[in-house]
PDB file of N, CA and C in Angstrom:
ATOM      1  N   MET A   1     -19.863  32.081 -41.570  1.00  0.00           N
ATOM      2  CA  MET A   1     -20.952  31.532 -42.362  1.00  0.00           C
ATOM      3  C   MET A   1     -20.527  31.334 -43.818  1.00  0.00           C
ATOM      4  N   GLY A   2     -19.570  32.141 -44.300  1.00  0.00           N
ATOM      5  CA  GLY A   2     -19.089  32.004 -45.672  1.00  0.00           C
ATOM      6  C   GLY A   2     -18.466  30.657 -45.938  1.00  0.00           C
ATOM      7  N   LYS A   3     -17.738  30.131 -44.959  1.00  0.00           N
ATOM      8  CA  LYS A   3     -17.105  28.829 -45.110  1.00  0.00           C
ATOM      9  C   LYS A   3     -18.164  27.735 -45.264  1.00  0.00           C
ATOM     10  N   PHE A   4     -19.261  27.881 -44.544  1.00  0.00           N
ATOM     11  CA  PHE A   4     -20.340  26.897 -44.642  1.00  0.00           C
ATOM     12  C   PHE A   4     -20.903  26.857 -46.065  1.00  0.00           C
ATOM     13  N   PHE A   5     -21.080  28.040 -46.682  1.00  0.00           N
ATOM     14  CA  PHE A   5     -21.621  28.082 -48.039  1.00  0.00           C
ATOM     15  C   PHE A   5     -20.617  27.537 -49.058  1.00  0.00           C
ATOM     16  N   LEU A   6     -19.327  27.801 -48.854  1.00  0.00           N
ATOM     17  CA  LEU A   6     -18.311  27.207 -49.720  1.00  0.00           C
ATOM     18  C   LEU A   6     -18.311  25.687 -49.575  1.00  0.00           C
ATOM     19  N   TYR A   7     -18.427  25.226 -48.324  1.00  0.00           N
ATOM     20  CA  TYR A   7     -18.506  23.787 -48.073  1.00  0.00           C
ATOM     21  C   TYR A   7     -19.742  23.204 -48.748  1.00  0.00           C
ATOM     22  N   PHE A   8     -20.841  23.935 -48.683  1.00  0.00           N
ATOM     23  CA  PHE A   8     -22.070  23.489 -49.344  1.00  0.00           C
ATOM     24  C   PHE A   8     -21.845  23.344 -50.847  1.00  0.00           C
ATOM     25  N   GLY A   9     -21.153  24.307 -51.450  1.00  0.00           N
ATOM     26  CA  GLY A   9     -20.867  24.242 -52.884  1.00  0.00           C
ATOM     27  C   GLY A   9     -19.985  23.056 -53.241  1.00  0.00           C
ATOM     28  N   ALA A  10     -18.909  22.869 -52.470  1.00  0.00           N
ATOM     29  CA  ALA A  10     -18.022  21.727 -52.716  1.00  0.00           C
ATOM     30  C   ALA A  10     -18.764  20.418 -52.500  1.00  0.00           C
ATOM     31  N   SER A  11     -19.568  20.375 -51.457  1.00  0.00           N
ATOM     32  CA  SER A  11     -20.339  19.163 -51.159  1.00  0.00           C
ATOM     33  C   SER A  11     -21.392  18.901 -52.222  1.00  0.00           C
ATOM     34  N   SER A  12     -21.975  19.964 -52.754  1.00  0.00           N
ATOM     35  CA  SER A  12     -22.975  19.797 -53.817  1.00  0.00           C
ATOM     36  C   SER A  12     -22.335  19.184 -55.061  1.00  0.00           C
ATOM     37  N   ALA A  13     -21.148  19.660 -55.411  1.00  0.00           N
ATOM     38  CA  ALA A  13     -20.440  19.089 -56.562  1.00  0.00           C
ATOM     39  C   ALA A  13     -20.085  17.627 -56.304  1.00  0.00           C
ATOM     40  N   ALA A  14     -19.633  17.328 -55.091  1.00  0.00           N
ATOM     41  CA  ALA A  14     -19.289  15.948 -54.739  1.00  0.00           C
ATOM     42  C   ALA A  14     -20.541  15.071 -54.698  1.00  0.00           C
ATOM     43  N   THR A  15     -21.646  15.630 -54.236  1.00  0.00           N
ATOM     44  CA  THR A  15     -22.905  14.881 -54.210  1.00  0.00           C
ATOM     45  C   THR A  15     -23.394  14.606 -55.621  1.00  0.00           C
ATOM     46  N   LEU A  16     -23.227  15.572 -56.510  1.00  0.00           N
ATOM     47  CA  LEU A  16     -23.592  15.349 -57.911  1.00  0.00           C
ATOM     48  C   LEU A  16     -22.775  14.190 -58.482  1.00  0.00           C
ATOM     49  N   MET A  17     -21.481  14.187 -58.193  1.00  0.00           N
ATOM     50  CA  MET A  17     -20.628  13.077 -58.629  1.00  0.00           C
ATOM     51  C   MET A  17     -21.158  11.765 -58.037  1.00  0.00           C
ATOM     52  N   HIS A  18     -21.487  11.795 -56.753  1.00  0.00           N
ATOM     53  CA  HIS A  18     -22.024  10.613 -56.073  1.00  0.00           C
ATOM     54  C   HIS A  18     -23.281  10.122 -56.789  1.00  0.00           C
ATOM     55  N   TYR A  19     -24.203  11.028 -57.088  1.00  0.00           N
ATOM     56  CA  TYR A  19     -25.469  10.633 -57.698  1.00  0.00           C
ATOM     57  C   TYR A  19     -25.275  10.116 -59.126  1.00  0.00           C
ATOM     58  N   ILE A  20     -24.360  10.703 -59.855  1.00  0.00           N
ATOM     59  CA  ILE A  20     -24.088  10.216 -61.218  1.00  0.00           C
ATOM     60  C   ILE A  20     -23.564   8.789 -61.164  1.00  0.00           C
ATOM     61  N   VAL A  21     -22.592   8.544 -60.284  1.00  0.00           N
ATOM     62  CA  VAL A  21     -22.049   7.188 -60.143  1.00  0.00           C
ATOM     63  C   VAL A  21     -23.138   6.233 -59.641  1.00  0.00           C
ATOM     64  N   PHE A  22     -23.930   6.681 -58.663  1.00  0.00           N
ATOM     65  CA  PHE A  22     -25.036   5.874 -58.137  1.00  0.00           C
ATOM     66  C   PHE A  22     -25.995   5.497 -59.264  1.00  0.00           C
ATOM     67  N   TYR A  23     -26.361   6.462 -60.080  1.00  0.00           N
ATOM     68  CA  TYR A  23     -27.270   6.227 -61.202  1.00  0.00           C
ATOM     69  C   TYR A  23     -26.685   5.212 -62.184  1.00  0.00           C
ATOM     70  N   LEU A  24     -25.413   5.392 -62.520  1.00  0.00           N
ATOM     71  CA  LEU A  24     -24.780   4.505 -63.494  1.00  0.00           C
ATOM     72  C   LEU A  24     -24.648   3.073 -62.984  1.00  0.00           C
ATOM     73  N   LEU A  25     -24.473   2.907 -61.684  1.00  0.00           N
ATOM     74  CA  LEU A  25     -24.273   1.579 -61.117  1.00  0.00           C
ATOM     75  C   LEU A  25     -25.550   0.911 -60.626  1.00  0.00           C
ATOM     76  N   LEU A  26     -26.624   1.663 -60.492  1.00  0.00           N
ATOM     77  CA  LEU A  26     -27.856   1.132 -59.894  1.00  0.00           C
ATOM     78  C   LEU A  26     -28.391  -0.086 -60.631  1.00  0.00           C
ATOM     79  N   GLY A  27     -28.283  -0.137 -61.921  1.00  0.00           N
ATOM     80  CA  GLY A  27     -28.746  -1.307 -62.665  1.00  0.00           C
ATOM     81  C   GLY A  27     -27.784  -2.482 -62.618  1.00  0.00           C
ATOM     82  N   LEU A  28     -26.534  -2.211 -62.238  1.00  0.00           N
ATOM     83  CA  LEU A  28     -25.506  -3.253 -62.218  1.00  0.00           C
ATOM     84  C   LEU A  28     -25.287  -3.856 -60.842  1.00  0.00           C
ATOM     85  N   LEU A  29     -25.476  -3.060 -59.803  1.00  0.00           N
ATOM     86  CA  LEU A  29     -25.239  -3.473 -58.427  1.00  0.00           C
ATOM     87  C   LEU A  29     -26.486  -3.238 -57.600  1.00  0.00           C
ATOM     88  N   SER A  30     -26.502  -3.778 -56.399  1.00  0.00           N
ATOM     89  CA  SER A  30     -27.591  -3.453 -55.481  1.00  0.00           C
ATOM     90  C   SER A  30     -27.505  -1.967 -55.136  1.00  0.00           C
ATOM     91  N   ALA A  31     -28.592  -1.410 -54.650  1.00  0.00           N
ATOM     92  CA  ALA A  31     -28.611   0.006 -54.287  1.00  0.00           C
ATOM     93  C   ALA A  31     -27.567   0.303 -53.207  1.00  0.00           C
ATOM     94  N   VAL A  32     -27.404  -0.590 -52.263  1.00  0.00           N
ATOM     95  CA  VAL A  32     -26.442  -0.373 -51.180  1.00  0.00           C
ATOM     96  C   VAL A  32     -25.017  -0.386 -51.725  1.00  0.00           C
ATOM     97  N   SER A  33     -24.684  -1.360 -52.569  1.00  0.00           N
ATOM     98  CA  SER A  33     -23.335  -1.425 -53.153  1.00  0.00           C
ATOM     99  C   SER A  33     -23.057  -0.228 -54.052  1.00  0.00           C
ATOM    100  N   ALA A  34     -24.041   0.155 -54.854  1.00  0.00           N
ATOM    101  CA  ALA A  34     -23.883   1.332 -55.719  1.00  0.00           C
ATOM    102  C   ALA A  34     -23.642   2.577 -54.880  1.00  0.00           C
ATOM    103  N   SER A  35     -24.309   2.671 -53.745  1.00  0.00           N
ATOM    104  CA  SER A  35     -24.147   3.823 -52.864  1.00  0.00           C
ATOM    105  C   SER A  35     -22.746   3.881 -52.268  1.00  0.00           C
ATOM    106  N   VAL A  36     -22.184   2.738 -51.926  1.00  0.00           N
ATOM    107  CA  VAL A  36     -20.831   2.707 -51.361  1.00  0.00           C
ATOM    108  C   VAL A  36     -19.810   3.182 -52.393  1.00  0.00           C
ATOM    109  N   VAL A  37     -19.878   2.645 -53.599  1.00  0.00           N
ATOM    110  CA  VAL A  37     -18.942   3.052 -54.658  1.00  0.00           C
ATOM    111  C   VAL A  37     -19.112   4.535 -54.966  1.00  0.00           C
ATOM    112  N   ALA A  38     -20.353   4.988 -55.017  1.00  0.00           N
ATOM    113  CA  ALA A  38     -20.626   6.394 -55.285  1.00  0.00           C
ATOM    114  C   ALA A  38     -20.094   7.288 -54.168  1.00  0.00           C
ATOM    115  N   SER A  39     -20.167   6.828 -52.940  1.00  0.00           N
ATOM    116  CA  SER A  39     -19.632   7.594 -51.805  1.00  0.00           C
ATOM    117  C   SER A  39     -18.132   7.807 -51.937  1.00  0.00           C
ATOM    118  N   ILE A  40     -17.432   6.793 -52.364  1.00  0.00           N
ATOM    119  CA  ILE A  40     -15.975   6.895 -52.535  1.00  0.00           C
ATOM    120  C   ILE A  40     -15.636   7.914 -53.621  1.00  0.00           C
ATOM    121  N   ALA A  41     -16.337   7.853 -54.738  1.00  0.00           N
ATOM    122  CA  ALA A  41     -16.093   8.819 -55.823  1.00  0.00           C
ATOM    123  C   ALA A  41     -16.367  10.243 -55.352  1.00  0.00           C
ATOM    124  N   GLY A  42     -17.459  10.431 -54.652  1.00  0.00           N
ATOM    125  CA  GLY A  42     -17.796  11.750 -54.135  1.00  0.00           C
ATOM    126  C   GLY A  42     -16.794  12.244 -53.108  1.00  0.00           C
ATOM    127  N   ALA A  43     -16.310  11.353 -52.263  1.00  0.00           N
ATOM    128  CA  ALA A  43     -15.347  11.741 -51.227  1.00  0.00           C
ATOM    129  C   ALA A  43     -14.040  12.238 -51.829  1.00  0.00           C
ATOM    130  N   LEU A  44     -13.570  11.572 -52.857  1.00  0.00           N
ATOM    131  CA  LEU A  44     -12.319  12.014 -53.497  1.00  0.00           C
ATOM    132  C   LEU A  44     -12.481  13.401 -54.112  1.00  0.00           C
ATOM    133  N   GLN A  45     -13.602  13.624 -54.747  1.00  0.00           N
ATOM    134  CA  GLN A  45     -13.838  14.949 -55.317  1.00  0.00           C
ATOM    135  C   GLN A  45     -13.969  15.997 -54.211  1.00  0.00           C
ATOM    136  N   ALA A  46     -14.639  15.647 -53.128  1.00  0.00           N
ATOM    137  CA  ALA A  46     -14.827  16.583 -52.019  1.00  0.00           C
ATOM    138  C   ALA A  46     -13.494  16.991 -51.399  1.00  0.00           C
ATOM    139  N   PHE A  47     -12.564  16.047 -51.233  1.00  0.00           N
ATOM    140  CA  PHE A  47     -11.272  16.393 -50.647  1.00  0.00           C
ATOM    141  C   PHE A  47     -10.566  17.447 -51.483  1.00  0.00           C
ATOM    142  N   VAL A  48     -10.522  17.220 -52.770  1.00  0.00           N
ATOM    143  CA  VAL A  48      -9.833  18.158 -53.669  1.00  0.00           C
ATOM    144  C   VAL A  48     -10.461  19.552 -53.586  1.00  0.00           C
ATOM    145  N   LEU A  49     -11.772  19.616 -53.651  1.00  0.00           N
ATOM    146  CA  LEU A  49     -12.456  20.919 -53.618  1.00  0.00           C
ATOM    147  C   LEU A  49     -12.338  21.598 -52.250  1.00  0.00           C
ATOM    148  N   ASN A  50     -12.491  20.835 -51.178  1.00  0.00           N
ATOM    149  CA  ASN A  50     -12.376  21.425 -49.837  1.00  0.00           C
ATOM    150  C   ASN A  50     -10.971  21.920 -49.549  1.00  0.00           C
ATOM    151  N   ARG A  51      -9.987  21.160 -49.944  1.00  0.00           N
ATOM    152  CA  ARG A  51      -8.591  21.545 -49.707  1.00  0.00           C
ATOM    153  C   ARG A  51      -8.244  22.820 -50.484  1.00  0.00           C
ATOM    154  N   LYS A  52      -8.757  22.909 -51.699  1.00  0.00           N
ATOM    155  CA  LYS A  52      -8.401  24.040 -52.551  1.00  0.00           C
ATOM    156  C   LYS A  52      -9.220  25.302 -52.257  1.00  0.00           C
ATOM    157  N   TYR A  53     -10.512  25.146 -51.943  1.00  0.00           N
ATOM    158  CA  TYR A  53     -11.384  26.316 -51.873  1.00  0.00           C
ATOM    159  C   TYR A  53     -11.997  26.629 -50.507  1.00  0.00           C
ATOM    160  N   VAL A  54     -12.091  25.652 -49.608  1.00  0.00           N
ATOM    161  CA  VAL A  54     -12.888  25.870 -48.400  1.00  0.00           C
ATOM    162  C   VAL A  54     -12.054  26.069 -47.145  1.00  0.00           C
ATOM    163  N   PHE A  55     -11.228  25.117 -46.813  1.00  0.00           N
ATOM    164  CA  PHE A  55     -10.535  25.134 -45.528  1.00  0.00           C
ATOM    165  C   PHE A  55      -9.067  25.501 -45.690  1.00  0.00           C
ATOM    166  N   LYS A  56      -8.588  26.338 -44.817  1.00  0.00           N
ATOM    167  CA  LYS A  56      -7.168  26.667 -44.751  1.00  0.00           C
ATOM    168  C   LYS A  56      -6.550  25.731 -43.713  1.00  0.00           C
ATOM    169  N   SER A  57      -5.996  24.650 -44.180  1.00  0.00           N
ATOM    170  CA  SER A  57      -5.499  23.615 -43.274  1.00  0.00           C
ATOM    171  C   SER A  57      -4.223  24.058 -42.581  1.00  0.00           C
ATOM    172  N   GLN A  58      -4.157  23.741 -41.307  1.00  0.00           N
ATOM    173  CA  GLN A  58      -2.913  23.973 -40.575  1.00  0.00           C
ATOM    174  C   GLN A  58      -2.033  22.734 -40.605  1.00  0.00           C
ATOM    175  N   PHE A  59      -2.494  21.696 -41.272  1.00  0.00           N
ATOM    176  CA  PHE A  59      -1.753  20.442 -41.374  1.00  0.00           C
ATOM    177  C   PHE A  59      -1.204  20.280 -42.780  1.00  0.00           C
ATOM    178  N   ASN A  60      -0.176  19.428 -42.924  1.00  0.00           N
ATOM    179  CA  ASN A  60       0.317  19.151 -44.267  1.00  0.00           C
ATOM    180  C   ASN A  60      -0.724  18.338 -45.033  1.00  0.00           C
ATOM    181  N   LYS A  61      -0.547  18.282 -46.330  1.00  0.00           N
ATOM    182  CA  LYS A  61      -1.546  17.649 -47.199  1.00  0.00           C
ATOM    183  C   LYS A  61      -1.774  16.185 -46.818  1.00  0.00           C
ATOM    184  N   GLY A  62      -0.718  15.473 -46.475  1.00  0.00           N
ATOM    185  CA  GLY A  62      -0.841  14.056 -46.122  1.00  0.00           C
ATOM    186  C   GLY A  62      -1.699  13.837 -44.887  1.00  0.00           C
ATOM    187  N   LEU A  63      -1.475  14.633 -43.849  1.00  0.00           N
ATOM    188  CA  LEU A  63      -2.259  14.487 -42.621  1.00  0.00           C
ATOM    189  C   LEU A  63      -3.701  14.888 -42.860  1.00  0.00           C
ATOM    190  N   SER A  64      -3.914  15.982 -43.589  1.00  0.00           N
ATOM    191  CA  SER A  64      -5.284  16.391 -43.916  1.00  0.00           C
ATOM    192  C   SER A  64      -6.000  15.312 -44.718  1.00  0.00           C
ATOM    193  N   LEU A  65      -5.298  14.713 -45.669  1.00  0.00           N
ATOM    194  CA  LEU A  65      -5.899  13.662 -46.491  1.00  0.00           C
ATOM    195  C   LEU A  65      -6.275  12.458 -45.634  1.00  0.00           C
ATOM    196  N   ARG A  66      -5.393  12.037 -44.753  1.00  0.00           N
ATOM    197  CA  ARG A  66      -5.698  10.890 -43.880  1.00  0.00           C
ATOM    198  C   ARG A  66      -6.896  11.192 -42.996  1.00  0.00           C
ATOM    199  N   ARG A  67      -6.919  12.374 -42.406  1.00  0.00           N
ATOM    200  CA  ARG A  67      -8.049  12.735 -41.551  1.00  0.00           C
ATOM    201  C   ARG A  67      -9.336  12.850 -42.364  1.00  0.00           C
ATOM    202  N   PHE A  68      -9.231  13.473 -43.532  1.00  0.00           N
ATOM    203  CA  PHE A  68     -10.399  13.601 -44.387  1.00  0.00           C
ATOM    204  C   PHE A  68     -10.930  12.225 -44.787  1.00  0.00           C
ATOM    205  N   MET A  69     -10.039  11.326 -45.155  1.00  0.00           N
ATOM    206  CA  MET A  69     -10.481   9.989 -45.575  1.00  0.00           C
ATOM    207  C   MET A  69     -11.082   9.210 -44.410  1.00  0.00           C
ATOM    208  N   PHE A  70     -10.595   9.455 -43.193  1.00  0.00           N
ATOM    209  CA  PHE A  70     -11.237   8.835 -42.030  1.00  0.00           C
ATOM    210  C   PHE A  70     -12.672   9.342 -41.900  1.00  0.00           C
ATOM    211  N   VAL A  71     -12.846  10.658 -42.004  1.00  0.00           N
ATOM    212  CA  VAL A  71     -14.184  11.240 -41.924  1.00  0.00           C
ATOM    213  C   VAL A  71     -15.035  10.736 -43.098  1.00  0.00           C
ATOM    214  N   ALA A  72     -14.456  10.671 -44.286  1.00  0.00           N
ATOM    215  CA  ALA A  72     -15.197  10.165 -45.448  1.00  0.00           C
ATOM    216  C   ALA A  72     -15.593   8.703 -45.245  1.00  0.00           C
ATOM    217  N   SER A  73     -14.702   7.914 -44.665  1.00  0.00           N
ATOM    218  CA  SER A  73     -15.022   6.506 -44.387  1.00  0.00           C
ATOM    219  C   SER A  73     -16.150   6.403 -43.378  1.00  0.00           C
ATOM    220  N   LEU A  74     -16.083   7.221 -42.346  1.00  0.00           N
ATOM    221  CA  LEU A  74     -17.154   7.239 -41.358  1.00  0.00           C
ATOM    222  C   LEU A  74     -18.466   7.676 -42.011  1.00  0.00           C
ATOM    223  N   SER A  75     -18.400   8.700 -42.851  1.00  0.00           N
ATOM    224  CA  SER A  75     -19.588   9.165 -43.562  1.00  0.00           C
ATOM    225  C   SER A  75     -20.126   8.085 -44.497  1.00  0.00           C
ATOM    226  N   CYS A  76     -19.226   7.371 -45.142  1.00  0.00           N
ATOM    227  CA  CYS A  76     -19.634   6.277 -46.027  1.00  0.00           C
ATOM    228  C   CYS A  76     -20.365   5.196 -45.230  1.00  0.00           C
ATOM    229  N   LEU A  77     -19.837   4.878 -44.061  1.00  0.00           N
ATOM    230  CA  LEU A  77     -20.484   3.879 -43.208  1.00  0.00           C
ATOM    231  C   LEU A  77     -21.859   4.353 -42.757  1.00  0.00           C
ATOM    232  N   VAL A  78     -21.947   5.607 -42.334  1.00  0.00           N
ATOM    233  CA  VAL A  78     -23.238   6.172 -41.930  1.00  0.00           C
ATOM    234  C   VAL A  78     -24.199   6.146 -43.122  1.00  0.00           C
ATOM    235  N   ASN A  79     -23.698   6.547 -44.300  1.00  0.00           N
ATOM    236  CA  ASN A  79     -24.509   6.523 -45.516  1.00  0.00           C
ATOM    237  C   ASN A  79     -25.006   5.106 -45.805  1.00  0.00           C
ATOM    238  N   LEU A  80     -24.103   4.149 -45.753  1.00  0.00           N
ATOM    239  CA  LEU A  80     -24.451   2.752 -46.007  1.00  0.00           C
ATOM    240  C   LEU A  80     -25.536   2.273 -45.042  1.00  0.00           C
ATOM    241  N   LEU A  81     -25.336   2.541 -43.765  1.00  0.00           N
ATOM    242  CA  LEU A  81     -26.301   2.096 -42.760  1.00  0.00           C
ATOM    243  C   LEU A  81     -27.668   2.749 -42.948  1.00  0.00           C
ATOM    244  N   LEU A  82     -27.669   4.037 -43.214  1.00  0.00           N
ATOM    245  CA  LEU A  82     -28.935   4.727 -43.425  1.00  0.00           C
ATOM    246  C   LEU A  82     -29.672   4.216 -44.658  1.00  0.00           C
ATOM    247  N   VAL A  83     -28.956   4.054 -45.766  1.00  0.00           N
ATOM    248  CA  VAL A  83     -29.583   3.546 -46.986  1.00  0.00           C
ATOM    249  C   VAL A  83     -30.118   2.135 -46.740  1.00  0.00           C
ATOM    250  N   TRP A  84     -29.342   1.311 -46.091  1.00  0.00           N
ATOM    251  CA  TRP A  84     -29.773  -0.067 -45.817  1.00  0.00           C
ATOM    252  C   TRP A  84     -31.007  -0.095 -44.922  1.00  0.00           C
ATOM    253  N   VAL A  85     -30.975   0.664 -43.835  1.00  0.00           N
ATOM    254  CA  VAL A  85     -32.121   0.680 -42.907  1.00  0.00           C
ATOM    255  C   VAL A  85     -33.370   1.213 -43.596  1.00  0.00           C
ATOM    256  N   LEU A  86     -33.217   2.292 -44.348  1.00  0.00           N
ATOM    257  CA  LEU A  86     -34.381   2.881 -45.010  1.00  0.00           C
ATOM    258  C   LEU A  86     -34.966   1.945 -46.069  1.00  0.00           C
ATOM    259  N   ILE A  87     -34.100   1.299 -46.845  1.00  0.00           N
ATOM    260  CA  ILE A  87     -34.591   0.404 -47.895  1.00  0.00           C
ATOM    261  C   ILE A  87     -35.075  -0.925 -47.317  1.00  0.00           C
ATOM    262  N   MET A  88     -34.227  -1.566 -46.526  1.00  0.00           N
ATOM    263  CA  MET A  88     -34.551  -2.904 -46.034  1.00  0.00           C
ATOM    264  C   MET A  88     -35.533  -2.878 -44.865  1.00  0.00           C
ATOM    265  N   GLY A  89     -35.389  -1.904 -43.995  1.00  0.00           N
ATOM    266  CA  GLY A  89     -36.231  -1.863 -42.811  1.00  0.00           C
ATOM    267  C   GLY A  89     -37.539  -1.125 -42.994  1.00  0.00           C
ATOM    268  N   LEU A  90     -37.522  -0.087 -43.814  1.00  0.00           N
ATOM    269  CA  LEU A  90     -38.715   0.748 -43.963  1.00  0.00           C
ATOM    270  C   LEU A  90     -39.318   0.694 -45.371  1.00  0.00           C
ATOM    271  N   SER A  91     -38.719  -0.108 -46.241  1.00  0.00           N
ATOM    272  CA  SER A  91     -39.188  -0.269 -47.630  1.00  0.00           C
ATOM    273  C   SER A  91     -39.231   1.052 -48.398  1.00  0.00           C
ATOM    274  N   ALA A  92     -38.335   1.963 -48.055  1.00  0.00           N
ATOM    275  CA  ALA A  92     -38.242   3.231 -48.782  1.00  0.00           C
ATOM    276  C   ALA A  92     -37.558   2.986 -50.123  1.00  0.00           C
ATOM    277  N   GLY A  93     -37.788   3.863 -51.054  1.00  0.00           N
ATOM    278  CA  GLY A  93     -37.147   3.754 -52.358  1.00  0.00           C
ATOM    279  C   GLY A  93     -35.675   4.135 -52.284  1.00  0.00           C
ATOM    280  N   PRO A  94     -34.889   3.693 -53.260  1.00  0.00           N
ATOM    281  CA  PRO A  94     -33.451   3.966 -53.218  1.00  0.00           C
ATOM    282  C   PRO A  94     -33.098   5.451 -53.313  1.00  0.00           C
ATOM    283  N   TRP A  95     -33.809   6.215 -54.127  1.00  0.00           N
ATOM    284  CA  TRP A  95     -33.491   7.641 -54.261  1.00  0.00           C
ATOM    285  C   TRP A  95     -33.841   8.412 -52.998  1.00  0.00           C
ATOM    286  N   PHE A  96     -35.003   8.157 -52.432  1.00  0.00           N
ATOM    287  CA  PHE A  96     -35.389   8.801 -51.184  1.00  0.00           C
ATOM    288  C   PHE A  96     -34.366   8.470 -50.100  1.00  0.00           C
ATOM    289  N   SER A  97     -34.011   7.203 -50.010  1.00  0.00           N
ATOM    290  CA  SER A  97     -33.052   6.755 -49.000  1.00  0.00           C
ATOM    291  C   SER A  97     -31.708   7.452 -49.168  1.00  0.00           C
ATOM    292  N   GLN A  98     -31.260   7.578 -50.419  1.00  0.00           N
ATOM    293  CA  GLN A  98     -29.968   8.213 -50.675  1.00  0.00           C
ATOM    294  C   GLN A  98     -29.991   9.699 -50.341  1.00  0.00           C
ATOM    295  N   VAL A  99     -31.082  10.382 -50.623  1.00  0.00           N
ATOM    296  CA  VAL A  99     -31.181  11.809 -50.303  1.00  0.00           C
ATOM    297  C   VAL A  99     -31.131  12.019 -48.789  1.00  0.00           C
ATOM    298  N   ILE A 100     -31.856  11.235 -48.030  1.00  0.00           N
ATOM    299  CA  ILE A 100     -31.841  11.339 -46.570  1.00  0.00           C
ATOM    300  C   ILE A 100     -30.434  11.065 -46.041  1.00  0.00           C
ATOM    301  N   ALA A 101     -29.799  10.028 -46.561  1.00  0.00           N
ATOM    302  CA  ALA A 101     -28.434   9.700 -46.132  1.00  0.00           C
ATOM    303  C   ALA A 101     -27.459  10.820 -46.493  1.00  0.00           C
ATOM    304  N   SER A 102     -27.634  11.427 -47.648  1.00  0.00           N
ATOM    305  CA  SER A 102     -26.758  12.536 -48.065  1.00  0.00           C
ATOM    306  C   SER A 102     -26.883  13.729 -47.129  1.00  0.00           C
ATOM    307  N   LEU A 103     -28.088  14.056 -46.744  1.00  0.00           N
ATOM    308  CA  LEU A 103     -28.291  15.180 -45.822  1.00  0.00           C
ATOM    309  C   LEU A 103     -27.629  14.912 -44.468  1.00  0.00           C
ATOM    310  N   ALA A 104     -27.794  13.719 -43.961  1.00  0.00           N
ATOM    311  CA  ALA A 104     -27.199  13.368 -42.670  1.00  0.00           C
ATOM    312  C   ALA A 104     -25.674  13.403 -42.731  1.00  0.00           C
ATOM    313  N   THR A 105     -25.103  12.864 -43.800  1.00  0.00           N
ATOM    314  CA  THR A 105     -23.643  12.845 -43.888  1.00  0.00           C
ATOM    315  C   THR A 105     -23.072  14.228 -44.197  1.00  0.00           C
ATOM    316  N   PHE A 106     -23.850  15.101 -44.817  1.00  0.00           N
ATOM    317  CA  PHE A 106     -23.401  16.476 -45.038  1.00  0.00           C
ATOM    318  C   PHE A 106     -23.152  17.180 -43.703  1.00  0.00           C
ATOM    319  N   VAL A 107     -24.099  17.094 -42.808  1.00  0.00           N
ATOM    320  CA  VAL A 107     -23.974  17.746 -41.497  1.00  0.00           C
ATOM    321  C   VAL A 107     -22.818  17.139 -40.716  1.00  0.00           C
ATOM    322  N   LEU A 108     -22.743  15.827 -40.685  1.00  0.00           N
ATOM    323  CA  LEU A 108     -21.650  15.143 -39.989  1.00  0.00           C
ATOM    324  C   LEU A 108     -20.299  15.543 -40.570  1.00  0.00           C
ATOM    325  N   GLY A 109     -20.201  15.536 -41.893  1.00  0.00           N
ATOM    326  CA  GLY A 109     -18.941  15.860 -42.557  1.00  0.00           C
ATOM    327  C   GLY A 109     -18.483  17.289 -42.317  1.00  0.00           C
ATOM    328  N   TYR A 110     -19.403  18.245 -42.363  1.00  0.00           N
ATOM    329  CA  TYR A 110     -19.007  19.635 -42.132  1.00  0.00           C
ATOM    330  C   TYR A 110     -18.432  19.802 -40.731  1.00  0.00           C
ATOM    331  N   PHE A 111     -19.112  19.284 -39.762  1.00  0.00           N
ATOM    332  CA  PHE A 111     -18.646  19.417 -38.384  1.00  0.00           C
ATOM    333  C   PHE A 111     -17.274  18.766 -38.199  1.00  0.00           C
ATOM    334  N   LEU A 112     -17.118  17.526 -38.610  1.00  0.00           N
ATOM    335  CA  LEU A 112     -15.851  16.823 -38.396  1.00  0.00           C
ATOM    336  C   LEU A 112     -14.709  17.395 -39.231  1.00  0.00           C
ATOM    337  N   ASN A 113     -14.988  17.741 -40.481  1.00  0.00           N
ATOM    338  CA  ASN A 113     -13.917  18.287 -41.312  1.00  0.00           C
ATOM    339  C   ASN A 113     -13.471  19.669 -40.847  1.00  0.00           C
ATOM    340  N   SER A 114     -14.417  20.517 -40.494  1.00  0.00           N
ATOM    341  CA  SER A 114     -14.036  21.863 -40.083  1.00  0.00           C
ATOM    342  C   SER A 114     -13.301  21.862 -38.742  1.00  0.00           C
ATOM    343  N   GLN A 115     -13.648  20.941 -37.867  1.00  0.00           N
ATOM    344  CA  GLN A 115     -13.042  20.906 -36.543  1.00  0.00           C
ATOM    345  C   GLN A 115     -11.810  20.021 -36.448  1.00  0.00           C
ATOM    346  N   TRP A 116     -11.696  18.996 -37.310  1.00  0.00           N
ATOM    347  CA  TRP A 116     -10.647  18.013 -37.105  1.00  0.00           C
ATOM    348  C   TRP A 116      -9.775  17.776 -38.335  1.00  0.00           C
ATOM    349  N   SER A 117     -10.365  17.557 -39.483  1.00  0.00           N
ATOM    350  CA  SER A 117      -9.590  17.183 -40.666  1.00  0.00           C
ATOM    351  C   SER A 117      -8.597  18.259 -41.093  1.00  0.00           C
ATOM    352  N   TYR A 118      -9.050  19.489 -41.035  1.00  0.00           N
ATOM    353  CA  TYR A 118      -8.200  20.590 -41.487  1.00  0.00           C
ATOM    354  C   TYR A 118      -7.707  21.458 -40.341  1.00  0.00           C
ATOM    355  N   GLY A 119      -8.200  21.217 -39.151  1.00  0.00           N
ATOM    356  CA  GLY A 119      -7.735  21.928 -37.974  1.00  0.00           C
ATOM    357  C   GLY A 119      -8.340  23.247 -37.719  1.00  0.00           C
TER     358      GLY A 119
END
């Protein structure tokens, strides 16, 4: 259970980065585009924090990074789809949509990273 809380901490920091970038870009880009760019920024921060503090990888850094980025890309796609469906399909606001998408990708990311990215 300790690893889950460390992952939560790393993910919270990465989510904060995501939200800051999302906020800064929201007036310049569509909500969906801002969310994609913000996801990438958050993913890079998450890799660094997870590698250093959360998971003891049995793989070399390059393989862990490739696997992590695959999971991050999948999470980004899930995030994009959820934000788009919530905003375009259900007329939800951008912040509500982003919070729901963040929660969904958190659960997905923990499972895939703990079982596959770091071994």
